[in-house]
Amino acid sequence: MRIRRRHNLGMEEARNRADRIAADLGPQLSLRSNWQGDNLMVTGKGVSGHLRVAEDEIEIYVKLGFALKLMEGPIRSVIERAIDEELA
């Protein structure tokens, strides 16, 4: 799944918000994260992906394993809610 949101925070604040998004989702999706350039790589049980931070946009790409694929709709809603709260 791919989710994009525009922002006007600048790079540094957008990176801070990406960290907070990953921290918010971490307990719910058992995520671990680490930065590789402008990408916050995330992995967990049945989940992998990254948050790409740009000057005016955050893009999240998440790949779900087979078991979690069945719950893609609710997982997408949780991710979108976390993003929207952090970028508001």
PDB file of N, CA and C in Angstrom:
ATOM      1  N   MET A   1       0.843  -1.164   0.000  1.00  0.00           N
ATOM      2  CA  MET A   1       0.000   0.000   0.000  1.00  0.00           C
ATOM      3  C   MET A   1       0.890   1.230   0.000  1.00  0.00           C
ATOM      4  N   ARG A   2       0.432   2.247  -0.655  1.00  0.00           N
ATOM      5  CA  ARG A   2       1.180   3.499  -0.767  1.00  0.00           C
ATOM      6  C   ARG A   2       0.272   4.652  -0.355  1.00  0.00           C
ATOM      7  N   ILE A   3       0.788   5.501   0.524  1.00  0.00           N
ATOM      8  CA  ILE A   3       0.026   6.645   1.020  1.00  0.00           C
ATOM      9  C   ILE A   3       0.919   7.875   0.918  1.00  0.00           C
ATOM     10  N   ARG A   4       0.398   8.942   0.339  1.00  0.00           N
ATOM     11  CA  ARG A   4       1.147  10.202   0.210  1.00  0.00           C
ATOM     12  C   ARG A   4       0.386  11.324   0.888  1.00  0.00           C
ATOM     13  N   ARG A   5       1.152  12.184   1.532  1.00  0.00           N
ATOM     14  CA  ARG A   5       0.575  13.391   2.108  1.00  0.00           C
ATOM     15  C   ARG A   5       1.528  14.550   1.868  1.00  0.00           C
ATOM     16  N   ARG A   6       0.987  15.669   1.463  1.00  0.00           N
ATOM     17  CA  ARG A   6       1.779  16.880   1.268  1.00  0.00           C
ATOM     18  C   ARG A   6       1.895  17.598   2.606  1.00  0.00           C
ATOM     19  N   HIS A   7       2.955  18.377   2.761  1.00  0.00           N
ATOM     20  CA  HIS A   7       3.143  19.152   3.980  1.00  0.00           C
ATOM     21  C   HIS A   7       3.912  20.419   3.652  1.00  0.00           C
ATOM     22  N   ASN A   8       3.966  21.331   4.605  1.00  0.00           N
ATOM     23  CA  ASN A   8       4.765  22.549   4.446  1.00  0.00           C
ATOM     24  C   ASN A   8       5.650  22.732   5.676  1.00  0.00           C
ATOM     25  N   LEU A   9       6.182  21.619   6.174  1.00  0.00           N
ATOM     26  CA  LEU A   9       6.958  21.614   7.417  1.00  0.00           C
ATOM     27  C   LEU A   9       8.451  21.821   7.201  1.00  0.00           C
ATOM     28  N   GLY A  10       8.938  21.582   6.005  1.00  0.00           N
ATOM     29  CA  GLY A  10      10.383  21.569   5.773  1.00  0.00           C
ATOM     30  C   GLY A  10      10.940  20.202   6.129  1.00  0.00           C
ATOM     31  N   MET A  11      12.173  19.943   5.703  1.00  0.00           N
ATOM     32  CA  MET A  11      12.765  18.606   5.852  1.00  0.00           C
ATOM     33  C   MET A  11      12.968  18.199   7.310  1.00  0.00           C
ATOM     34  N   GLU A  12      13.561  19.055   8.102  1.00  0.00           N
ATOM     35  CA  GLU A  12      13.892  18.662   9.474  1.00  0.00           C
ATOM     36  C   GLU A  12      12.639  18.308  10.280  1.00  0.00           C
ATOM     37  N   GLU A  13      11.638  19.164  10.207  1.00  0.00           N
ATOM     38  CA  GLU A  13      10.408  18.891  10.961  1.00  0.00           C
ATOM     39  C   GLU A  13       9.669  17.689  10.379  1.00  0.00           C
ATOM     40  N   ALA A  14       9.703  17.523   9.063  1.00  0.00           N
ATOM     41  CA  ALA A  14       9.058  16.365   8.443  1.00  0.00           C
ATOM     42  C   ALA A  14       9.730  15.069   8.910  1.00  0.00           C
ATOM     43  N   ARG A  15      11.065  15.086   9.047  1.00  0.00           N
ATOM     44  CA  ARG A  15      11.774  13.914   9.569  1.00  0.00           C
ATOM     45  C   ARG A  15      11.357  13.637  11.014  1.00  0.00           C
ATOM     46  N   ASN A  16      11.226  14.688  11.814  1.00  0.00           N
ATOM     47  CA  ASN A  16      10.774  14.514  13.198  1.00  0.00           C
ATOM     48  C   ASN A  16       9.376  13.900  13.236  1.00  0.00           C
ATOM     49  N   ARG A  17       8.509  14.383  12.367  1.00  0.00           N
ATOM     50  CA  ARG A  17       7.141  13.859  12.333  1.00  0.00           C
ATOM     51  C   ARG A  17       7.123  12.407  11.846  1.00  0.00           C
ATOM     52  N   ALA A  18       7.990  12.071  10.883  1.00  0.00           N
ATOM     53  CA  ALA A  18       8.076  10.686  10.417  1.00  0.00           C
ATOM     54  C   ALA A  18       8.496   9.772  11.568  1.00  0.00           C
ATOM     55  N   ASP A  19       9.448  10.227  12.386  1.00  0.00           N
ATOM     56  CA  ASP A  19       9.839   9.454  13.570  1.00  0.00           C
ATOM     57  C   ASP A  19       8.645   9.237  14.494  1.00  0.00           C
ATOM     58  N   ARG A  20       7.862  10.284  14.689  1.00  0.00           N
ATOM     59  CA  ARG A  20       6.707  10.172  15.581  1.00  0.00           C
ATOM     60  C   ARG A  20       5.642   9.256  14.997  1.00  0.00           C
ATOM     61  N   ILE A  21       5.454   9.297  13.682  1.00  0.00           N
ATOM     62  CA  ILE A  21       4.497   8.393  13.034  1.00  0.00           C
ATOM     63  C   ILE A  21       4.923   6.943  13.281  1.00  0.00           C
ATOM     64  N   ALA A  22       6.202   6.659  13.048  1.00  0.00           N
ATOM     65  CA  ALA A  22       6.709   5.296  13.262  1.00  0.00           C
ATOM     66  C   ALA A  22       6.570   4.899  14.735  1.00  0.00           C
ATOM     67  N   ALA A  23       6.848   5.828  15.648  1.00  0.00           N
ATOM     68  CA  ALA A  23       6.709   5.539  17.079  1.00  0.00           C
ATOM     69  C   ALA A  23       5.249   5.269  17.441  1.00  0.00           C
ATOM     70  N   ASP A  24       4.327   6.036  16.849  1.00  0.00           N
ATOM     71  CA  ASP A  24       2.894   5.842  17.114  1.00  0.00           C
ATOM     72  C   ASP A  24       2.424   4.474  16.611  1.00  0.00           C
ATOM     73  N   LEU A  25       2.910   4.078  15.440  1.00  0.00           N
ATOM     74  CA  LEU A  25       2.485   2.817  14.842  1.00  0.00           C
ATOM     75  C   LEU A  25       3.255   1.621  15.385  1.00  0.00           C
ATOM     76  N   GLY A  26       4.429   1.863  15.946  1.00  0.00           N
ATOM     77  CA  GLY A  26       5.296   0.794  16.423  1.00  0.00           C
ATOM     78  C   GLY A  26       4.615  -0.232  17.296  1.00  0.00           C
ATOM     79  N   PRO A  27       3.979   0.177  18.381  1.00  0.00           N
ATOM     80  CA  PRO A  27       3.333  -0.812  19.253  1.00  0.00           C
ATOM     81  C   PRO A  27       2.177  -1.554  18.573  1.00  0.00           C
ATOM     82  N   GLN A  28       1.439  -0.873  17.719  1.00  0.00           N
ATOM     83  CA  GLN A  28       0.287  -1.493  17.064  1.00  0.00           C
ATOM     84  C   GLN A  28       0.706  -2.516  16.014  1.00  0.00           C
ATOM     85  N   LEU A  29       1.812  -2.236  15.312  1.00  0.00           N
ATOM     86  CA  LEU A  29       2.251  -3.114  14.222  1.00  0.00           C
ATOM     87  C   LEU A  29       3.592  -3.779  14.511  1.00  0.00           C
ATOM     88  N   SER A  30       4.071  -3.688  15.741  1.00  0.00           N
ATOM     89  CA  SER A  30       5.360  -4.284  16.148  1.00  0.00           C
ATOM     90  C   SER A  30       6.493  -3.840  15.217  1.00  0.00           C
ATOM     91  N   LEU A  31       6.597  -2.529  14.991  1.00  0.00           N
ATOM     92  CA  LEU A  31       7.572  -1.995  14.049  1.00  0.00           C
ATOM     93  C   LEU A  31       8.879  -1.594  14.717  1.00  0.00           C
ATOM     94  N   ARG A  32       9.945  -1.797  13.982  1.00  0.00           N
ATOM     95  CA  ARG A  32      11.265  -1.240  14.297  1.00  0.00           C
ATOM     96  C   ARG A  32      11.626  -0.338  13.134  1.00  0.00           C
ATOM     97  N   SER A  33      12.366   0.725  13.404  1.00  0.00           N
ATOM     98  CA  SER A  33      12.689   1.652  12.316  1.00  0.00           C
ATOM     99  C   SER A  33      14.123   2.141  12.420  1.00  0.00           C
ATOM    100  N   ASN A  34      14.670   2.516  11.260  1.00  0.00           N
ATOM    101  CA  ASN A  34      15.988   3.146  11.192  1.00  0.00           C
ATOM    102  C   ASN A  34      16.074   3.975   9.910  1.00  0.00           C
ATOM    103  N   TRP A  35      16.824   5.082  10.006  1.00  0.00           N
ATOM    104  CA  TRP A  35      16.973   5.989   8.874  1.00  0.00           C
ATOM    105  C   TRP A  35      18.047   5.499   7.920  1.00  0.00           C
ATOM    106  N   GLN A  36      17.754   5.587   6.632  1.00  0.00           N
ATOM    107  CA  GLN A  36      18.718   5.381   5.546  1.00  0.00           C
ATOM    108  C   GLN A  36      18.511   6.560   4.598  1.00  0.00           C
ATOM    109  N   GLY A  37      19.334   7.576   4.756  1.00  0.00           N
ATOM    110  CA  GLY A  37      19.158   8.794   3.971  1.00  0.00           C
ATOM    111  C   GLY A  37      17.865   9.481   4.363  1.00  0.00           C
ATOM    112  N   ASP A  38      17.008   9.764   3.373  1.00  0.00           N
ATOM    113  CA  ASP A  38      15.719  10.400   3.635  1.00  0.00           C
ATOM    114  C   ASP A  38      14.591   9.383   3.757  1.00  0.00           C
ATOM    115  N   ASN A  39      14.937   8.121   3.929  1.00  0.00           N
ATOM    116  CA  ASN A  39      13.941   7.061   4.078  1.00  0.00           C
ATOM    117  C   ASN A  39      14.018   6.466   5.474  1.00  0.00           C
ATOM    118  N   LEU A  40      12.885   6.426   6.148  1.00  0.00           N
ATOM    119  CA  LEU A  40      12.789   5.762   7.436  1.00  0.00           C
ATOM    120  C   LEU A  40      12.291   4.353   7.151  1.00  0.00           C
ATOM    121  N   MET A  41      13.206   3.392   7.242  1.00  0.00           N
ATOM    122  CA  MET A  41      12.889   2.002   6.940  1.00  0.00           C
ATOM    123  C   MET A  41      12.164   1.395   8.136  1.00  0.00           C
ATOM    124  N   VAL A  42      11.083   0.653   7.890  1.00  0.00           N
ATOM    125  CA  VAL A  42      10.328   0.017   8.964  1.00  0.00           C
ATOM    126  C   VAL A  42      10.175  -1.474   8.678  1.00  0.00           C
ATOM    127  N   THR A  43      10.295  -2.256   9.730  1.00  0.00           N
ATOM    128  CA  THR A  43      10.091  -3.698   9.621  1.00  0.00           C
ATOM    129  C   THR A  43       9.366  -4.180  10.868  1.00  0.00           C
ATOM    130  N   GLY A  44       8.630  -5.233  10.707  1.00  0.00           N
ATOM    131  CA  GLY A  44       7.914  -5.836  11.816  1.00  0.00           C
ATOM    132  C   GLY A  44       7.443  -7.219  11.404  1.00  0.00           C
ATOM    133  N   LYS A  45       6.702  -7.840  12.269  1.00  0.00           N
ATOM    134  CA  LYS A  45       6.199  -9.178  11.975  1.00  0.00           C
ATOM    135  C   LYS A  45       5.146  -9.092  10.870  1.00  0.00           C
ATOM    136  N   GLY A  46       5.509  -9.510   9.673  1.00  0.00           N
ATOM    137  CA  GLY A  46       4.592  -9.469   8.539  1.00  0.00           C
ATOM    138  C   GLY A  46       4.445  -8.116   7.882  1.00  0.00           C
ATOM    139  N   VAL A  47       5.332  -7.161   8.231  1.00  0.00           N
ATOM    140  CA  VAL A  47       5.258  -5.799   7.699  1.00  0.00           C
ATOM    141  C   VAL A  47       6.650  -5.324   7.332  1.00  0.00           C
ATOM    142  N   SER A  48       6.771  -4.669   6.188  1.00  0.00           N
ATOM    143  CA  SER A  48       8.019  -3.990   5.830  1.00  0.00           C
ATOM    144  C   SER A  48       7.654  -2.789   4.976  1.00  0.00           C
ATOM    145  N   GLY A  49       8.566  -1.821   4.932  1.00  0.00           N
ATOM    146  CA  GLY A  49       8.308  -0.657   4.107  1.00  0.00           C
ATOM    147  C   GLY A  49       9.192   0.509   4.488  1.00  0.00           C
ATOM    148  N   HIS A  50       8.786   1.696   4.052  1.00  0.00           N
ATOM    149  CA  HIS A  50       9.555   2.898   4.362  1.00  0.00           C
ATOM    150  C   HIS A  50       8.675   4.136   4.310  1.00  0.00           C
ATOM    151  N   LEU A  51       9.139   5.153   5.017  1.00  0.00           N
ATOM    152  CA  LEU A  51       8.545   6.486   4.957  1.00  0.00           C
ATOM    153  C   LEU A  51       9.581   7.353   4.252  1.00  0.00           C
ATOM    154  N   ARG A  52       9.244   7.856   3.070  1.00  0.00           N
ATOM    155  CA  ARG A  52      10.158   8.721   2.324  1.00  0.00           C
ATOM    156  C   ARG A  52       9.790  10.163   2.631  1.00  0.00           C
ATOM    157  N   VAL A  53      10.768  10.905   3.097  1.00  0.00           N
ATOM    158  CA  VAL A  53      10.535  12.303   3.463  1.00  0.00           C
ATOM    159  C   VAL A  53      11.140  13.202   2.399  1.00  0.00           C
ATOM    160  N   ALA A  54      10.328  14.116   1.891  1.00  0.00           N
ATOM    161  CA  ALA A  54      10.787  15.128   0.944  1.00  0.00           C
ATOM    162  C   ALA A  54      10.434  16.503   1.511  1.00  0.00           C
ATOM    163  N   GLU A  55      10.918  17.537   0.894  1.00  0.00           N
ATOM    164  CA  GLU A  55      10.704  18.902   1.371  1.00  0.00           C
ATOM    165  C   GLU A  55       9.224  19.246   1.534  1.00  0.00           C
ATOM    166  N   ASP A  56       8.371  18.679   0.667  1.00  0.00           N
ATOM    167  CA  ASP A  56       6.956  19.043   0.699  1.00  0.00           C
ATOM    168  C   ASP A  56       6.002  17.851   0.742  1.00  0.00           C
ATOM    169  N   GLU A  57       6.538  16.645   1.018  1.00  0.00           N
ATOM    170  CA  GLU A  57       5.701  15.459   0.952  1.00  0.00           C
ATOM    171  C   GLU A  57       6.284  14.343   1.811  1.00  0.00           C
ATOM    172  N   ILE A  58       5.396  13.553   2.394  1.00  0.00           N
ATOM    173  CA  ILE A  58       5.787  12.297   3.027  1.00  0.00           C
ATOM    174  C   ILE A  58       5.039  11.199   2.284  1.00  0.00           C
ATOM    175  N   GLU A  59       5.794  10.182   1.876  1.00  0.00           N
ATOM    176  CA  GLU A  59       5.191   9.044   1.194  1.00  0.00           C
ATOM    177  C   GLU A  59       5.501   7.803   2.008  1.00  0.00           C
ATOM    178  N   ILE A  60       4.475   7.018   2.253  1.00  0.00           N
ATOM    179  CA  ILE A  60       4.647   5.784   3.011  1.00  0.00           C
ATOM    180  C   ILE A  60       4.328   4.616   2.092  1.00  0.00           C
ATOM    181  N   TYR A  61       5.249   3.676   2.061  1.00  0.00           N
ATOM    182  CA  TYR A  61       5.037   2.443   1.312  1.00  0.00           C
ATOM    183  C   TYR A  61       5.109   1.298   2.315  1.00  0.00           C
ATOM    184  N   VAL A  62       4.066   0.491   2.367  1.00  0.00           N
ATOM    185  CA  VAL A  62       4.008  -0.628   3.300  1.00  0.00           C
ATOM    186  C   VAL A  62       3.661  -1.896   2.537  1.00  0.00           C
ATOM    187  N   LYS A  63       4.449  -2.921   2.786  1.00  0.00           N
ATOM    188  CA  LYS A  63       4.174  -4.236   2.206  1.00  0.00           C
ATOM    189  C   LYS A  63       3.731  -5.142   3.351  1.00  0.00           C
ATOM    190  N   LEU A  64       2.548  -5.730   3.190  1.00  0.00           N
ATOM    191  CA  LEU A  64       2.003  -6.606   4.215  1.00  0.00           C
ATOM    192  C   LEU A  64       2.193  -8.060   3.823  1.00  0.00           C
ATOM    193  N   GLY A  65       2.526  -8.877   4.805  1.00  0.00           N
ATOM    194  CA  GLY A  65       2.600 -10.317   4.583  1.00  0.00           C
ATOM    195  C   GLY A  65       1.203 -10.887   4.360  1.00  0.00           C
ATOM    196  N   PHE A  66       1.154 -12.140   3.995  1.00  0.00           N
ATOM    197  CA  PHE A  66      -0.119 -12.773   3.631  1.00  0.00           C
ATOM    198  C   PHE A  66      -1.177 -12.636   4.718  1.00  0.00           C
ATOM    199  N   ALA A  67      -0.836 -12.951   5.960  1.00  0.00           N
ATOM    200  CA  ALA A  67      -1.824 -12.913   7.047  1.00  0.00           C
ATOM    201  C   ALA A  67      -2.364 -11.495   7.258  1.00  0.00           C
ATOM    202  N   LEU A  68      -1.485 -10.491   7.208  1.00  0.00           N
ATOM    203  CA  LEU A  68      -1.920  -9.110   7.421  1.00  0.00           C
ATOM    204  C   LEU A  68      -2.624  -8.527   6.202  1.00  0.00           C
ATOM    205  N   LYS A  69      -2.377  -9.086   5.036  1.00  0.00           N
ATOM    206  CA  LYS A  69      -3.027  -8.606   3.810  1.00  0.00           C
ATOM    207  C   LYS A  69      -4.550  -8.672   3.952  1.00  0.00           C
ATOM    208  N   LEU A  70      -5.023  -9.639   4.729  1.00  0.00           N
ATOM    209  CA  LEU A  70      -6.458  -9.781   4.950  1.00  0.00           C
ATOM    210  C   LEU A  70      -7.033  -8.627   5.765  1.00  0.00           C
ATOM    211  N   MET A  71      -6.152  -7.895   6.458  1.00  0.00           N
ATOM    212  CA  MET A  71      -6.579  -6.766   7.285  1.00  0.00           C
ATOM    213  C   MET A  71      -6.096  -5.431   6.719  1.00  0.00           C
ATOM    214  N   GLU A  72      -5.851  -5.384   5.422  1.00  0.00           N
ATOM    215  CA  GLU A  72      -5.292  -4.185   4.805  1.00  0.00           C
ATOM    216  C   GLU A  72      -6.139  -2.933   5.038  1.00  0.00           C
ATOM    217  N   GLY A  73      -7.443  -3.035   4.936  1.00  0.00           N
ATOM    218  CA  GLY A  73      -8.312  -1.874   5.124  1.00  0.00           C
ATOM    219  C   GLY A  73      -8.162  -1.243   6.503  1.00  0.00           C
ATOM    220  N   PRO A  74      -8.324  -2.012   7.577  1.00  0.00           N
ATOM    221  CA  PRO A  74      -8.147  -1.437   8.913  1.00  0.00           C
ATOM    222  C   PRO A  74      -6.722  -0.940   9.171  1.00  0.00           C
ATOM    223  N   ILE A  75      -5.725  -1.632   8.646  1.00  0.00           N
ATOM    224  CA  ILE A  75      -4.341  -1.191   8.825  1.00  0.00           C
ATOM    225  C   ILE A  75      -4.123   0.131   8.099  1.00  0.00           C
ATOM    226  N   ARG A  76      -4.648   0.250   6.892  1.00  0.00           N
ATOM    227  CA  ARG A  76      -4.540   1.512   6.137  1.00  0.00           C
ATOM    228  C   ARG A  76      -5.177   2.654   6.933  1.00  0.00           C
ATOM    229  N   SER A  77      -6.328   2.402   7.522  1.00  0.00           N
ATOM    230  CA  SER A  77      -7.006   3.437   8.309  1.00  0.00           C
ATOM    231  C   SER A  77      -6.165   3.891   9.495  1.00  0.00           C
ATOM    232  N   VAL A  78      -5.535   2.953  10.195  1.00  0.00           N
ATOM    233  CA  VAL A  78      -4.683   3.284  11.338  1.00  0.00           C
ATOM    234  C   VAL A  78      -3.495   4.125  10.880  1.00  0.00           C
ATOM    235  N   ILE A  79      -2.870   3.733   9.771  1.00  0.00           N
ATOM    236  CA  ILE A  79      -1.712   4.472   9.255  1.00  0.00           C
ATOM    237  C   ILE A  79      -2.133   5.869   8.812  1.00  0.00           C
ATOM    238  N   GLU A  80      -3.213   5.974   8.059  1.00  0.00           N
ATOM    239  CA  GLU A  80      -3.671   7.282   7.586  1.00  0.00           C
ATOM    240  C   GLU A  80      -4.027   8.207   8.751  1.00  0.00           C
ATOM    241  N   ARG A  81      -4.661   7.667   9.782  1.00  0.00           N
ATOM    242  CA  ARG A  81      -5.011   8.478  10.947  1.00  0.00           C
ATOM    243  C   ARG A  81      -3.744   8.997  11.640  1.00  0.00           C
ATOM    244  N   ALA A  82      -2.728   8.136  11.793  1.00  0.00           N
ATOM    245  CA  ALA A  82      -1.468   8.559  12.425  1.00  0.00           C
ATOM    246  C   ALA A  82      -0.785   9.639  11.600  1.00  0.00           C
ATOM    247  N   ILE A  83      -0.753   9.480  10.277  1.00  0.00           N
ATOM    248  CA  ILE A  83      -0.135  10.476   9.412  1.00  0.00           C
ATOM    249  C   ILE A  83      -0.878  11.810   9.507  1.00  0.00           C
ATOM    250  N   ASP A  84      -2.183  11.745   9.380  1.00  0.00           N
ATOM    251  CA  ASP A  84      -2.979  12.974   9.379  1.00  0.00           C
ATOM    252  C   ASP A  84      -2.867  13.721  10.706  1.00  0.00           C
ATOM    253  N   GLU A  85      -2.798  12.999  11.818  1.00  0.00           N
ATOM    254  CA  GLU A  85      -2.632  13.645  13.111  1.00  0.00           C
ATOM    255  C   GLU A  85      -1.277  14.334  13.219  1.00  0.00           C
ATOM    256  N   GLU A  86      -0.231  13.700  12.729  1.00  0.00           N
ATOM    257  CA  GLU A  86       1.118  14.282  12.824  1.00  0.00           C
ATOM    258  C   GLU A  86       1.324  15.441  11.860  1.00  0.00           C
ATOM    259  N   LEU A  87       0.660  15.418  10.725  1.00  0.00           N
ATOM    260  CA  LEU A  87       0.876  16.486   9.736  1.00  0.00           C
ATOM    261  C   LEU A  87      -0.133  17.621   9.854  1.00  0.00           C
ATOM    262  N   ALA A  88      -1.095  17.497  10.765  1.00  0.00           N
ATOM    263  CA  ALA A  88      -2.113  18.537  10.936  1.00  0.00           C
ATOM    264  C   ALA A  88      -1.531  19.819  11.478  1.00  0.00           C
TER     265      ALA A  88
END
